[in-house]
Amino acid sequence: MHTTEFELLETLSQPVCPVCTLARREARTYLVGVFEDGINDPAVRDDWRARGGLCARHWREVREFDSVLLPATILLRDLLGSYLDHPSPVWKMPDCPACKREAEAEVRHFKALLGIPEATMLKALEDGPGFLCLRHLVQMPPGTLRNRFESRLISFLPELDELERKQDYRFSKEPLGNEKDSWLRAMRALGGEV
């Protein structure tokens, strides 16, 4: 097996979609690389200028980086200056390079997931709380593995019911069990890595 396949199996030990999680991690690694070392690379700056910068989600992510002030200032000055030098009558969404990396990684990781032997995947699902989000689940071929992933999502429903019940003032003193993060897992199932 390749490193990607091991990473996918390892990520199934967490209550997340491994495809979304690893794709998002790859986009973040790209951004960290740009803001730590790539900011002075003319090819990177030309590419970002042509694309219009990042999407809102990735700009928010960059704000959370350590020591981002100087590289962000340099890049933002370049992007804003470039736009003001060549204004457009119509604003368009940036063709975010981090989103592009994330989308490419998502395709690659999903293909790798399909290449993992079914018995290995089933064992990983027995051992961990991982699942596939709906977007990736519908792409799975029919069979035992898809059924197991669907069963995992179905198991969220009674946990959501229990969490809702414990929000009622009459039961709010009861300790939370496995249902405590069911709302986050359901959110990830519906929206990917959110």
Protein backbone atom coordinates (compact mmCIF):
# COMPACT_ATOMS: atom_id res chain seq x y z
CA MET A 1 0.00 0.00 0.00
CA HIS A 2 1.05 3.59 -0.60
CA THR A 3 1.39 6.37 1.97
CA THR A 4 -1.95 7.88 0.91
CA GLU A 5 -3.74 4.61 1.58
CA PHE A 6 -2.19 4.37 5.05
CA GLU A 7 -3.22 7.98 5.73
CA LEU A 8 -6.79 7.19 4.67
CA LEU A 9 -6.94 4.17 6.96
CA GLU A 10 -5.42 6.15 9.82
CA THR A 11 -7.95 8.95 9.32
CA LEU A 12 -10.80 6.44 9.65
CA SER A 13 -9.85 6.35 13.34
CA GLN A 14 -11.36 9.85 13.63
CA PRO A 15 -15.02 10.89 13.30
CA VAL A 16 -14.46 12.55 9.90
CA CYS A 17 -14.59 11.82 6.18
CA PRO A 18 -11.00 10.78 5.39
CA VAL A 19 -11.17 12.03 1.80
CA CYS A 20 -12.31 15.53 2.81
CA THR A 21 -9.94 15.70 5.76
CA LEU A 22 -6.83 14.75 3.79
CA ALA A 23 -7.75 17.02 0.87
CA ARG A 24 -8.27 19.93 3.26
CA ARG A 25 -4.96 19.16 4.97
CA GLU A 26 -3.19 19.23 1.60
CA ALA A 27 -4.65 22.66 0.77
CA ARG A 28 -3.55 23.96 4.16
CA THR A 29 -0.04 22.57 3.65
CA TYR A 30 0.09 24.39 0.30
CA LEU A 31 -0.96 27.66 1.93
CA VAL A 32 1.55 27.29 4.76
CA GLY A 33 4.25 26.70 2.16
CA VAL A 34 3.29 29.82 0.23
CA PHE A 35 3.17 32.02 3.31
CA GLU A 36 6.37 30.61 4.82
CA ASP A 37 8.60 30.24 1.76
CA GLY A 38 6.78 30.90 -1.51
CA ILE A 39 5.78 34.51 -1.13
CA ASN A 40 8.90 35.72 -2.95
CA ASP A 41 8.56 33.22 -5.80
CA PRO A 42 7.63 35.27 -8.91
CA ALA A 43 5.76 32.31 -10.45
CA VAL A 44 3.57 31.95 -7.34
CA ARG A 45 2.82 35.67 -7.25
CA ASP A 46 2.04 35.74 -10.99
CA ASP A 47 -0.30 32.76 -10.57
CA TRP A 48 -2.10 34.33 -7.61
CA ARG A 49 -2.44 37.65 -9.43
CA ALA A 50 -3.94 35.90 -12.47
CA ARG A 51 -6.35 33.97 -10.23
CA GLY A 52 -7.38 36.97 -8.12
CA GLY A 53 -6.14 35.55 -4.80
CA LEU A 54 -7.93 33.19 -2.47
CA CYS A 55 -11.57 32.43 -1.75
CA ALA A 56 -13.06 33.74 1.51
CA ARG A 57 -12.68 30.38 3.30
CA HIS A 58 -8.97 30.17 2.57
CA TRP A 59 -8.34 33.82 3.50
CA ARG A 60 -10.00 33.06 6.86
CA GLU A 61 -7.70 30.08 7.25
CA VAL A 62 -4.62 32.19 6.49
CA ARG A 63 -5.63 34.66 9.21
CA GLU A 64 -5.10 31.88 11.76
CA PHE A 65 -1.51 31.11 10.70
CA ASP A 66 1.40 32.03 12.94
CA SER A 67 3.73 34.79 11.73
CA VAL A 68 1.60 35.60 8.69
CA LEU A 69 1.64 39.41 8.94
CA LEU A 70 4.63 40.21 6.71
CA PRO A 71 4.03 37.65 3.95
CA ALA A 72 0.31 38.44 3.90
CA THR A 73 1.06 42.16 3.69
CA ILE A 74 3.41 41.62 0.74
CA LEU A 75 0.95 39.41 -1.11
CA LEU A 76 -2.13 41.53 -0.36
CA ARG A 77 -0.32 44.70 -1.48
CA ASP A 78 0.58 42.93 -4.72
CA LEU A 79 -2.94 41.59 -5.33
CA LEU A 80 -4.78 44.79 -4.46
CA GLY A 81 -2.31 46.94 -6.39
CA SER A 82 -2.64 44.70 -9.44
CA TYR A 83 -6.42 44.93 -9.35
CA LEU A 84 -6.40 48.70 -8.94
CA ASP A 85 -3.93 49.06 -11.83
CA HIS A 86 -6.28 47.05 -14.07
CA PRO A 87 -9.81 47.49 -12.69
CA SER A 88 -12.59 45.34 -14.02
CA PRO A 89 -16.16 46.59 -14.41
CA VAL A 90 -17.41 43.26 -13.05
CA TRP A 91 -16.14 41.57 -9.90
CA LYS A 92 -15.56 37.85 -10.23
CA MET A 93 -14.85 35.19 -7.67
CA PRO A 94 -11.17 34.37 -7.35
CA ASP A 95 -10.02 31.12 -8.93
CA CYS A 96 -8.56 30.08 -5.58
CA PRO A 97 -5.30 28.11 -5.94
CA ALA A 98 -5.87 26.41 -2.56
CA CYS A 99 -9.33 25.24 -3.69
CA LYS A 100 -7.72 23.88 -6.86
CA ARG A 101 -5.16 21.94 -4.81
CA GLU A 102 -7.91 20.68 -2.52
CA ALA A 103 -10.09 19.49 -5.42
CA GLU A 104 -7.16 17.68 -7.05
CA ALA A 105 -6.25 16.05 -3.74
CA GLU A 106 -9.86 15.01 -3.18
CA VAL A 107 -9.96 13.15 -6.50
CA ARG A 108 -6.61 11.50 -5.79
CA HIS A 109 -7.57 10.44 -2.25
CA PHE A 110 -10.94 9.07 -3.34
CA LYS A 111 -9.26 6.96 -6.04
CA ALA A 112 -6.79 5.71 -3.44
CA LEU A 113 -9.67 4.84 -1.10
CA LEU A 114 -11.27 2.74 -3.83
CA GLY A 115 -7.94 0.92 -4.27
CA ILE A 116 -7.73 -0.26 -0.65
CA PRO A 117 -8.75 -3.92 -0.25
CA GLU A 118 -12.30 -4.24 1.06
CA ALA A 119 -11.29 -6.43 4.02
CA THR A 120 -8.75 -3.81 5.13
CA MET A 121 -11.36 -1.05 4.89
CA LEU A 122 -13.96 -3.07 6.79
CA LYS A 123 -11.44 -3.73 9.57
CA ALA A 124 -10.62 -0.01 9.78
CA LEU A 125 -14.33 0.79 10.02
CA GLU A 126 -14.74 -1.73 12.84
CA ASP A 127 -11.86 -0.13 14.74
CA GLY A 128 -12.68 3.55 14.23
CA PRO A 129 -15.53 6.06 13.94
CA GLY A 130 -14.66 7.34 10.44
CA PHE A 131 -17.28 7.68 7.72
CA LEU A 132 -17.74 9.07 4.23
CA CYS A 133 -19.60 12.32 3.72
CA LEU A 134 -22.63 12.09 1.45
CA ARG A 135 -20.74 13.58 -1.50
CA HIS A 136 -18.22 10.74 -1.40
CA LEU A 137 -20.67 8.06 -0.33
CA VAL A 138 -22.78 8.47 -3.48
CA GLN A 139 -19.63 7.91 -5.57
CA MET A 140 -18.92 4.55 -3.90
CA PRO A 141 -19.80 1.50 -5.97
CA PRO A 142 -22.63 -0.64 -4.57
CA GLY A 143 -21.58 -3.42 -2.24
CA THR A 144 -20.59 -4.35 1.28
CA LEU A 145 -18.27 -1.40 1.82
CA ARG A 146 -20.81 1.18 0.70
CA ASN A 147 -23.44 -0.50 2.89
CA ARG A 148 -21.10 -0.29 5.88
CA PHE A 149 -20.49 3.41 5.27
CA GLU A 150 -24.27 3.98 4.93
CA SER A 151 -24.85 2.08 8.19
CA ARG A 152 -22.38 4.37 9.91
CA LEU A 153 -24.39 7.41 8.83
CA ILE A 154 -27.67 5.75 9.82
CA SER A 155 -26.21 5.18 13.29
CA PHE A 156 -25.99 8.96 13.73
CA LEU A 157 -29.80 9.30 13.77
CA PRO A 158 -30.53 7.74 17.19
CA GLU A 159 -27.55 9.62 18.62
CA LEU A 160 -28.99 12.89 17.29
CA ASP A 161 -32.35 11.95 18.82
CA GLU A 162 -30.67 11.30 22.18
CA LEU A 163 -28.74 14.56 22.02
CA GLU A 164 -31.96 16.42 21.27
CA ARG A 165 -33.69 14.68 24.20
CA LYS A 166 -30.90 15.70 26.58
CA GLN A 167 -31.30 19.33 25.54
CA ASP A 168 -34.76 19.26 27.11
CA TYR A 169 -34.53 20.84 30.57
CA ARG A 170 -36.04 17.71 32.16
CA PHE A 171 -33.11 15.57 31.00
CA SER A 172 -30.32 18.14 30.76
CA LYS A 173 -28.60 16.85 33.92
CA GLU A 174 -28.01 13.44 32.34
CA PRO A 175 -24.39 13.00 31.24
CA LEU A 176 -23.67 13.01 27.54
CA GLY A 177 -22.40 9.78 26.00
CA ASN A 178 -21.47 8.95 22.41
CA GLU A 179 -24.14 11.36 21.23
CA LYS A 180 -22.20 14.43 22.42
CA ASP A 181 -20.53 15.03 19.04
CA SER A 182 -23.22 13.48 16.84
CA TRP A 183 -24.27 16.92 15.61
CA LEU A 184 -20.71 17.61 14.40
CA ARG A 185 -20.47 14.22 12.71
CA ALA A 186 -23.83 14.79 11.00
CA MET A 187 -22.67 18.23 9.87
CA ARG A 188 -19.51 16.69 8.40
CA ALA A 189 -21.58 13.97 6.73
CA LEU A 190 -23.71 16.60 5.04
CA GLY A 191 -21.04 19.18 4.27
CA GLY A 192 -17.70 17.42 4.13
CA GLU A 193 -14.89 18.74 6.29
CA VAL A 194 -16.54 21.80 7.85
